[in-house]
């Protein structure tokens, strides 16, 4: 794999058990989320900011990972 001026060597490995990346869905309207000077209060039990979401949305499913053999090698052009 080449990223900018660095070369990385490794392999792609399939995960034995895939996992889901989720993000909260917001209840806030555009008028509440922009221009509001209200401070957010964090609930210590649920780590939820103002309980302003009504559920979660699936952002993606991770099924594989990349394992690199070592540090990136610089490519001079």
N, C-alpha and C. Protein backbone atom coordinates (compact mmCIF):
# COMPACT_ATOMS: atom_id res chain seq x y z
N UNK A 1 0.84 -1.16 0.00
CA UNK A 1 0.00 0.00 0.00
C UNK A 1 0.90 1.23 0.00
N UNK A 2 0.56 2.19 -0.84
CA UNK A 2 1.31 3.43 -0.90
C UNK A 2 0.40 4.58 -0.49
N UNK A 3 0.82 5.32 0.53
CA UNK A 3 0.09 6.48 1.00
C UNK A 3 1.03 7.67 0.90
N UNK A 4 0.69 8.61 0.03
CA UNK A 4 1.52 9.80 -0.23
C UNK A 4 2.92 9.35 -0.61
N UNK A 5 3.93 9.64 0.21
CA UNK A 5 5.30 9.25 -0.11
C UNK A 5 5.80 8.15 0.82
N UNK A 6 4.89 7.31 1.31
CA UNK A 6 5.26 6.22 2.20
C UNK A 6 4.73 4.90 1.65
N UNK A 7 5.53 3.86 1.80
CA UNK A 7 5.13 2.53 1.37
C UNK A 7 4.99 1.64 2.60
N UNK A 8 3.87 0.93 2.69
CA UNK A 8 3.60 0.03 3.80
C UNK A 8 3.38 -1.37 3.26
N UNK A 9 3.97 -2.36 3.92
CA UNK A 9 3.77 -3.75 3.52
C UNK A 9 3.03 -4.47 4.63
N UNK A 10 2.07 -5.28 4.23
CA UNK A 10 1.28 -6.01 5.19
C UNK A 10 0.29 -6.92 4.50
N UNK A 11 -0.73 -7.32 5.26
CA UNK A 11 -1.75 -8.20 4.69
C UNK A 11 -3.12 -7.84 5.27
N UNK A 12 -4.16 -8.22 4.54
CA UNK A 12 -5.53 -8.02 4.98
C UNK A 12 -6.01 -9.32 5.62
N UNK A 13 -6.55 -9.20 6.83
CA UNK A 13 -7.01 -10.37 7.57
C UNK A 13 -8.50 -10.21 7.85
N UNK A 14 -9.27 -11.27 7.61
CA UNK A 14 -10.70 -11.28 7.89
C UNK A 14 -10.92 -11.51 9.37
N UNK A 15 -11.79 -10.72 9.98
CA UNK A 15 -12.10 -10.88 11.39
C UNK A 15 -12.98 -12.11 11.60
N UNK A 16 -12.75 -12.82 12.70
CA UNK A 16 -13.58 -13.99 13.00
C UNK A 16 -14.99 -13.58 13.39
N UNK A 17 -15.11 -12.43 14.06
CA UNK A 17 -16.42 -11.92 14.44
C UNK A 17 -16.50 -10.43 14.06
N UNK A 18 -17.25 -10.08 13.02
CA UNK A 18 -17.35 -8.67 12.61
C UNK A 18 -18.01 -7.82 13.70
N UNK A 19 -17.75 -6.51 13.67
CA UNK A 19 -18.43 -5.64 14.62
C UNK A 19 -19.03 -4.43 13.90
N UNK A 20 -19.98 -3.78 14.58
CA UNK A 20 -20.76 -2.70 14.01
C UNK A 20 -20.29 -1.37 14.60
N UNK A 21 -20.17 -0.36 13.73
CA UNK A 21 -19.88 1.00 14.16
C UNK A 21 -21.20 1.75 14.12
N UNK A 22 -21.58 2.35 15.28
CA UNK A 22 -22.88 3.02 15.37
C UNK A 22 -22.69 4.48 15.76
N UNK A 23 -23.65 5.32 15.34
CA UNK A 23 -23.64 6.72 15.74
C UNK A 23 -25.03 7.09 16.22
N UNK A 24 -25.12 7.99 17.21
CA UNK A 24 -26.44 8.36 17.74
C UNK A 24 -27.23 9.20 16.74
N UNK A 25 -28.54 9.00 16.71
CA UNK A 25 -29.42 9.84 15.91
C UNK A 25 -29.90 10.98 16.79
N UNK A 26 -29.86 12.19 16.29
CA UNK A 26 -30.16 13.36 17.08
C UNK A 26 -31.64 13.71 17.02
N UNK A 27 -32.19 14.19 18.16
CA UNK A 27 -33.55 14.69 18.23
C UNK A 27 -33.58 16.19 17.97
N UNK A 28 -32.43 16.84 18.02
CA UNK A 28 -32.37 18.29 17.90
C UNK A 28 -32.81 18.76 16.52
N UNK A 29 -33.46 19.90 16.49
CA UNK A 29 -33.80 20.53 15.22
C UNK A 29 -32.66 21.46 14.84
N UNK A 30 -32.68 21.96 13.63
CA UNK A 30 -31.63 22.86 13.18
C UNK A 30 -31.56 24.13 14.02
N UNK A 31 -32.70 24.65 14.49
CA UNK A 31 -32.69 25.87 15.28
C UNK A 31 -32.09 25.63 16.66
N UNK A 32 -32.22 24.42 17.20
CA UNK A 32 -31.65 24.12 18.51
C UNK A 32 -30.16 23.84 18.43
N UNK A 33 -29.69 23.23 17.34
CA UNK A 33 -28.29 22.82 17.27
C UNK A 33 -27.37 23.95 16.85
N UNK A 34 -27.90 24.97 16.13
CA UNK A 34 -27.06 26.07 15.69
C UNK A 34 -27.44 27.34 16.43
N UNK A 35 -26.46 28.09 16.86
CA UNK A 35 -26.70 29.36 17.51
C UNK A 35 -27.13 29.25 18.95
N UNK A 36 -27.09 28.09 19.53
CA UNK A 36 -27.49 27.91 20.92
C UNK A 36 -26.28 28.08 21.83
N UNK A 37 -26.45 28.88 22.86
CA UNK A 37 -25.36 29.08 23.83
C UNK A 37 -25.54 28.21 25.06
N UNK A 38 -26.47 27.26 25.00
CA UNK A 38 -26.74 26.39 26.13
C UNK A 38 -25.57 25.45 26.36
N UNK A 39 -25.15 25.35 27.60
CA UNK A 39 -24.06 24.42 27.93
C UNK A 39 -24.60 23.01 27.98
N UNK A 40 -23.78 22.06 27.54
CA UNK A 40 -24.21 20.66 27.58
C UNK A 40 -23.85 20.06 28.92
N UNK A 41 -24.73 19.22 29.42
CA UNK A 41 -24.52 18.56 30.70
C UNK A 41 -24.38 17.07 30.44
N UNK A 42 -23.32 16.45 30.94
CA UNK A 42 -23.07 15.03 30.70
C UNK A 42 -23.60 14.21 31.87
N UNK A 43 -24.44 13.23 31.57
CA UNK A 43 -24.96 12.32 32.58
C UNK A 43 -23.90 11.25 32.81
N UNK A 44 -23.39 11.14 34.02
CA UNK A 44 -22.27 10.24 34.32
C UNK A 44 -22.65 8.77 34.17
N UNK A 45 -23.90 8.41 34.40
CA UNK A 45 -24.29 7.01 34.32
C UNK A 45 -24.33 6.51 32.88
N UNK A 46 -24.89 7.29 31.99
CA UNK A 46 -25.06 6.82 30.61
C UNK A 46 -24.07 7.45 29.65
N UNK A 47 -23.28 8.41 30.11
CA UNK A 47 -22.34 9.15 29.26
C UNK A 47 -23.08 9.72 28.06
N UNK A 48 -24.26 10.26 28.32
CA UNK A 48 -25.13 10.80 27.29
C UNK A 48 -25.16 12.31 27.45
N UNK A 49 -25.03 13.05 26.37
CA UNK A 49 -25.05 14.50 26.45
C UNK A 49 -26.48 14.97 26.31
N UNK A 50 -27.06 15.43 27.42
CA UNK A 50 -28.42 16.00 27.46
C UNK A 50 -29.51 15.06 26.95
N UNK A 51 -29.25 13.80 26.81
CA UNK A 51 -30.24 12.84 26.30
C UNK A 51 -30.89 13.35 25.01
N UNK A 52 -30.11 13.88 24.09
CA UNK A 52 -30.63 14.50 22.89
C UNK A 52 -30.66 13.55 21.69
N UNK A 53 -30.62 12.26 21.90
CA UNK A 53 -30.76 11.35 20.77
C UNK A 53 -31.83 10.32 21.06
N UNK A 54 -32.46 9.84 20.01
CA UNK A 54 -33.57 8.91 20.18
C UNK A 54 -33.25 7.51 19.70
N UNK A 55 -32.01 7.21 19.43
CA UNK A 55 -31.62 5.89 19.00
C UNK A 55 -30.25 5.92 18.36
N UNK A 56 -29.89 4.83 17.74
CA UNK A 56 -28.59 4.74 17.07
C UNK A 56 -28.78 4.32 15.63
N UNK A 57 -27.87 4.78 14.79
CA UNK A 57 -27.88 4.44 13.38
C UNK A 57 -26.61 3.65 13.06
N UNK A 58 -26.73 2.61 12.26
CA UNK A 58 -25.56 1.82 11.88
C UNK A 58 -24.75 2.61 10.86
N UNK A 59 -23.51 2.95 11.22
CA UNK A 59 -22.64 3.71 10.32
C UNK A 59 -21.85 2.78 9.41
N UNK A 60 -21.55 1.57 9.89
CA UNK A 60 -20.81 0.63 9.07
C UNK A 60 -20.57 -0.68 9.79
N UNK A 61 -20.12 -1.67 9.03
CA UNK A 61 -19.79 -2.98 9.58
C UNK A 61 -18.35 -3.28 9.20
N UNK A 62 -17.53 -3.58 10.21
CA UNK A 62 -16.11 -3.87 9.98
C UNK A 62 -15.96 -5.38 9.89
N UNK A 63 -15.43 -5.86 8.74
CA UNK A 63 -15.28 -7.29 8.53
C UNK A 63 -13.83 -7.72 8.37
N UNK A 64 -12.91 -6.77 8.17
CA UNK A 64 -11.51 -7.13 7.99
C UNK A 64 -10.60 -6.06 8.59
N UNK A 65 -9.36 -6.42 8.80
CA UNK A 65 -8.37 -5.48 9.32
C UNK A 65 -7.08 -5.62 8.53
N UNK A 66 -6.26 -4.58 8.58
CA UNK A 66 -4.98 -4.58 7.87
C UNK A 66 -3.86 -4.69 8.89
N UNK A 67 -3.00 -5.68 8.74
CA UNK A 67 -1.85 -5.87 9.61
C UNK A 67 -0.59 -5.50 8.84
N UNK A 68 0.17 -4.54 9.36
CA UNK A 68 1.39 -4.10 8.70
C UNK A 68 2.59 -4.78 9.34
N UNK A 69 3.60 -5.07 8.52
CA UNK A 69 4.80 -5.78 8.98
C UNK A 69 5.74 -4.89 9.77
N UNK A 70 5.80 -3.62 9.45
CA UNK A 70 6.75 -2.74 10.13
C UNK A 70 6.39 -1.29 9.91
N UNK A 71 7.37 -0.42 10.10
CA UNK A 71 7.16 1.01 9.94
C UNK A 71 7.11 1.38 8.46
N UNK A 72 6.52 2.53 8.13
CA UNK A 72 6.45 2.96 6.73
C UNK A 72 7.84 3.26 6.17
N UNK A 73 8.03 2.93 4.91
CA UNK A 73 9.28 3.19 4.20
C UNK A 73 9.07 4.40 3.33
N UNK A 74 9.99 5.39 3.40
CA UNK A 74 9.88 6.60 2.59
C UNK A 74 10.23 6.32 1.15
N UNK A 75 9.48 6.91 0.23
CA UNK A 75 9.71 6.76 -1.19
C UNK A 75 10.22 8.11 -1.71
N UNK A 76 11.41 8.11 -2.27
CA UNK A 76 11.97 9.34 -2.83
C UNK A 76 11.73 9.34 -4.34
N UNK A 77 11.20 10.46 -4.85
CA UNK A 77 10.95 10.55 -6.30
C UNK A 77 11.88 11.57 -6.91
